[in-house]
């Protein structure tokens, strides 16, 4: 039996943007502010943001039904 080395780099599955008003246009500017990685169980994701020089890490999970 062999063991696989799990040091494979995981690239983000999503890019995070914040939107700002564009002068003289109905369009918005899309400003890249981070990245997100979907969880293997597909019930959430890890999000890494950089906003105003602050690095912020978030974990998002699906809500479970109340019993």
Foldseek 3Di string as FASTA:
>chain_A
DDDDDPPDDDDFPAWDWDWDDDPPDPDTDTHTFWGWHADPVNFWIWIWGQDPNDIDIDIGGHDDDDD
